[in-house]
N, C-alpha and C. Protein backbone atom coordinates (compact mmCIF):
# COMPACT_ATOMS: atom_id res chain seq x y z
N UNK A 1 12.57 -12.14 31.43
CA UNK A 1 12.33 -12.23 30.01
C UNK A 1 11.85 -10.88 29.45
N UNK A 2 11.00 -10.20 30.19
CA UNK A 2 10.50 -8.90 29.74
C UNK A 2 11.64 -7.88 29.69
N UNK A 3 12.50 -7.89 30.68
CA UNK A 3 13.63 -6.95 30.70
C UNK A 3 14.56 -7.19 29.52
N UNK A 4 14.82 -8.44 29.18
CA UNK A 4 15.67 -8.75 28.02
C UNK A 4 15.01 -8.30 26.72
N UNK A 5 13.71 -8.53 26.62
CA UNK A 5 12.98 -8.10 25.42
C UNK A 5 12.97 -6.58 25.30
N UNK A 6 12.87 -5.89 26.44
CA UNK A 6 12.91 -4.43 26.42
C UNK A 6 14.26 -3.93 25.92
N UNK A 7 15.35 -4.61 26.30
CA UNK A 7 16.68 -4.24 25.82
C UNK A 7 16.78 -4.43 24.31
N UNK A 8 16.21 -5.54 23.81
CA UNK A 8 16.19 -5.77 22.36
C UNK A 8 15.38 -4.67 21.67
N UNK A 9 14.24 -4.34 22.25
CA UNK A 9 13.38 -3.30 21.68
C UNK A 9 14.18 -2.00 21.50
N UNK A 10 14.86 -1.57 22.55
CA UNK A 10 15.63 -0.32 22.50
C UNK A 10 16.70 -0.40 21.42
N UNK A 11 17.44 -1.49 21.39
CA UNK A 11 18.51 -1.65 20.38
C UNK A 11 17.93 -1.62 18.97
N UNK A 12 16.88 -2.42 18.72
CA UNK A 12 16.29 -2.50 17.39
C UNK A 12 15.66 -1.18 16.97
N UNK A 13 14.96 -0.54 17.91
CA UNK A 13 14.34 0.74 17.58
C UNK A 13 15.41 1.77 17.23
N UNK A 14 16.41 1.88 18.08
CA UNK A 14 17.45 2.88 17.85
C UNK A 14 18.26 2.61 16.59
N UNK A 15 18.36 1.35 16.19
CA UNK A 15 19.05 0.98 14.95
C UNK A 15 18.14 1.09 13.72
N UNK A 16 16.85 1.38 13.94
CA UNK A 16 15.90 1.46 12.84
C UNK A 16 15.53 0.11 12.26
N UNK A 17 15.73 -0.95 13.03
CA UNK A 17 15.47 -2.32 12.58
C UNK A 17 14.03 -2.71 12.90
N UNK A 18 13.09 -2.15 12.14
CA UNK A 18 11.67 -2.34 12.41
C UNK A 18 11.25 -3.80 12.20
N UNK A 19 11.84 -4.49 11.23
CA UNK A 19 11.46 -5.90 11.01
C UNK A 19 11.73 -6.75 12.24
N UNK A 20 12.87 -6.54 12.89
CA UNK A 20 13.16 -7.27 14.13
C UNK A 20 12.24 -6.80 15.24
N UNK A 21 12.01 -5.51 15.30
CA UNK A 21 11.17 -4.93 16.34
C UNK A 21 9.76 -5.50 16.32
N UNK A 22 9.17 -5.62 15.14
CA UNK A 22 7.79 -6.13 15.10
C UNK A 22 7.72 -7.62 15.39
N UNK A 23 8.85 -8.32 15.35
CA UNK A 23 8.84 -9.75 15.69
C UNK A 23 8.52 -9.98 17.16
N UNK A 24 8.63 -8.95 17.96
CA UNK A 24 8.29 -9.04 19.39
C UNK A 24 6.78 -9.20 19.57
N UNK A 25 6.03 -8.67 18.63
CA UNK A 25 4.57 -8.59 18.75
C UNK A 25 3.88 -9.76 18.06
N UNK A 26 2.76 -10.19 18.64
CA UNK A 26 1.93 -11.20 18.00
C UNK A 26 1.28 -10.60 16.75
N UNK A 27 0.83 -11.46 15.85
CA UNK A 27 0.19 -11.00 14.61
C UNK A 27 -1.10 -10.22 14.89
N UNK A 28 -1.73 -10.49 16.04
CA UNK A 28 -2.98 -9.81 16.37
C UNK A 28 -2.78 -8.73 17.44
N UNK A 29 -1.53 -8.30 17.64
CA UNK A 29 -1.24 -7.27 18.64
C UNK A 29 -1.92 -5.96 18.25
N UNK A 30 -2.30 -5.20 19.28
CA UNK A 30 -2.91 -3.89 19.06
C UNK A 30 -2.09 -2.83 19.78
N UNK A 31 -1.97 -1.68 19.15
CA UNK A 31 -1.38 -0.51 19.77
C UNK A 31 -2.52 0.47 20.00
N UNK A 32 -2.72 0.88 21.23
CA UNK A 32 -3.84 1.74 21.57
C UNK A 32 -3.84 2.98 20.68
N UNK A 33 -4.95 3.20 20.02
CA UNK A 33 -5.12 4.35 19.17
C UNK A 33 -4.42 4.25 17.81
N UNK A 34 -3.75 3.12 17.55
CA UNK A 34 -2.99 2.96 16.30
C UNK A 34 -3.50 1.83 15.43
N UNK A 35 -4.23 0.89 16.03
CA UNK A 35 -4.76 -0.22 15.26
C UNK A 35 -4.18 -1.55 15.69
N UNK A 36 -4.61 -2.58 14.97
CA UNK A 36 -4.22 -3.95 15.31
C UNK A 36 -3.61 -4.64 14.11
N UNK A 37 -2.78 -5.62 14.39
CA UNK A 37 -2.19 -6.45 13.35
C UNK A 37 -0.78 -6.01 13.00
N UNK A 38 -0.07 -6.90 12.34
CA UNK A 38 1.33 -6.68 12.00
C UNK A 38 1.54 -5.42 11.17
N UNK A 39 0.66 -5.17 10.21
CA UNK A 39 0.84 -4.00 9.35
C UNK A 39 0.69 -2.71 10.16
N UNK A 40 -0.29 -2.65 11.05
CA UNK A 40 -0.49 -1.46 11.88
C UNK A 40 0.72 -1.22 12.78
N UNK A 41 1.24 -2.28 13.38
CA UNK A 41 2.41 -2.17 14.26
C UNK A 41 3.62 -1.72 13.44
N UNK A 42 3.81 -2.31 12.27
CA UNK A 42 4.94 -1.96 11.42
C UNK A 42 4.85 -0.50 10.97
N UNK A 43 3.69 -0.06 10.53
CA UNK A 43 3.52 1.32 10.08
C UNK A 43 3.80 2.31 11.22
N UNK A 44 3.31 1.98 12.39
CA UNK A 44 3.53 2.86 13.54
C UNK A 44 5.03 3.00 13.84
N UNK A 45 5.72 1.88 13.94
CA UNK A 45 7.13 1.96 14.29
C UNK A 45 7.98 2.54 13.16
N UNK A 46 7.61 2.30 11.92
CA UNK A 46 8.32 2.96 10.82
C UNK A 46 8.21 4.48 10.95
N UNK A 47 7.01 4.95 11.26
CA UNK A 47 6.82 6.40 11.40
C UNK A 47 7.59 6.95 12.59
N UNK A 48 7.65 6.19 13.67
CA UNK A 48 8.36 6.66 14.87
C UNK A 48 9.87 6.67 14.67
N UNK A 49 10.40 5.65 14.01
CA UNK A 49 11.84 5.58 13.73
C UNK A 49 12.26 6.76 12.88
N UNK A 50 11.41 7.14 11.92
CA UNK A 50 11.73 8.24 11.00
C UNK A 50 11.76 9.60 11.69
N UNK A 51 11.18 9.71 12.88
CA UNK A 51 11.20 11.00 13.60
C UNK A 51 12.57 11.30 14.19
N UNK A 52 13.42 10.27 14.28
CA UNK A 52 14.73 10.46 14.89
C UNK A 52 14.72 10.26 16.40
N UNK A 53 13.56 9.92 16.95
CA UNK A 53 13.46 9.66 18.38
C UNK A 53 14.33 8.46 18.74
N UNK A 54 14.92 8.48 19.92
CA UNK A 54 15.74 7.36 20.40
C UNK A 54 15.40 7.08 21.86
N UNK A 55 15.55 5.83 22.24
CA UNK A 55 15.33 5.40 23.61
C UNK A 55 16.66 5.22 24.33
N UNK A 56 16.69 5.56 25.59
CA UNK A 56 17.82 5.20 26.45
C UNK A 56 17.50 3.91 27.18
N UNK A 57 16.23 3.77 27.55
CA UNK A 57 15.79 2.61 28.34
C UNK A 57 14.29 2.46 28.17
N UNK A 58 13.81 1.23 28.24
CA UNK A 58 12.39 0.94 28.23
C UNK A 58 12.10 0.12 29.48
N UNK A 59 11.19 0.62 30.31
CA UNK A 59 10.87 -0.04 31.58
C UNK A 59 9.40 -0.41 31.59
N UNK A 60 9.12 -1.67 31.83
CA UNK A 60 7.74 -2.14 31.98
C UNK A 60 7.34 -1.94 33.43
N UNK A 61 6.25 -1.21 33.65
CA UNK A 61 5.81 -0.95 35.01
C UNK A 61 4.75 -1.94 35.48
N UNK A 62 3.89 -2.37 34.54
CA UNK A 62 2.87 -3.36 34.89
C UNK A 62 2.57 -4.25 33.70
N UNK A 63 2.16 -5.47 34.01
CA UNK A 63 1.62 -6.39 33.02
C UNK A 63 0.33 -6.93 33.62
N UNK A 64 -0.77 -6.71 32.92
CA UNK A 64 -2.07 -7.17 33.37
C UNK A 64 -2.57 -8.22 32.39
N UNK A 65 -3.02 -9.35 32.91
CA UNK A 65 -3.55 -10.42 32.07
C UNK A 65 -5.01 -10.63 32.44
N UNK A 66 -5.87 -10.59 31.42
CA UNK A 66 -7.28 -10.85 31.63
C UNK A 66 -7.78 -11.71 30.49
N UNK A 67 -8.25 -12.89 30.83
CA UNK A 67 -8.68 -13.88 29.85
C UNK A 67 -7.52 -14.17 28.89
N UNK A 68 -7.66 -13.85 27.61
CA UNK A 68 -6.61 -14.17 26.65
C UNK A 68 -5.82 -12.93 26.21
N UNK A 69 -5.91 -11.84 26.99
CA UNK A 69 -5.25 -10.61 26.59
C UNK A 69 -4.30 -10.14 27.69
N UNK A 70 -3.11 -9.73 27.26
CA UNK A 70 -2.13 -9.14 28.17
C UNK A 70 -1.91 -7.70 27.77
N UNK A 71 -1.84 -6.82 28.78
CA UNK A 71 -1.58 -5.41 28.53
C UNK A 71 -0.31 -5.05 29.28
N UNK A 72 0.66 -4.52 28.54
CA UNK A 72 1.93 -4.11 29.14
C UNK A 72 2.02 -2.61 29.13
N UNK A 73 2.37 -2.05 30.26
CA UNK A 73 2.57 -0.59 30.37
C UNK A 73 3.99 -0.34 30.82
């Protein structure tokens, strides 16, 4: 499931489809150093898409779950 979601992430990011991209994240998701919540996630990815950066692949190396929080690297 994570690998399929990563493929969607790459496609949506590279297409500039931020609305679909943020649907991957929970409403209370946090991006380290960027803030929490849908608006923070949306603003971050809007700014990144505008840089022209593109992904070839996104690979999850670890997923750690502690209590009610999951951290994906």
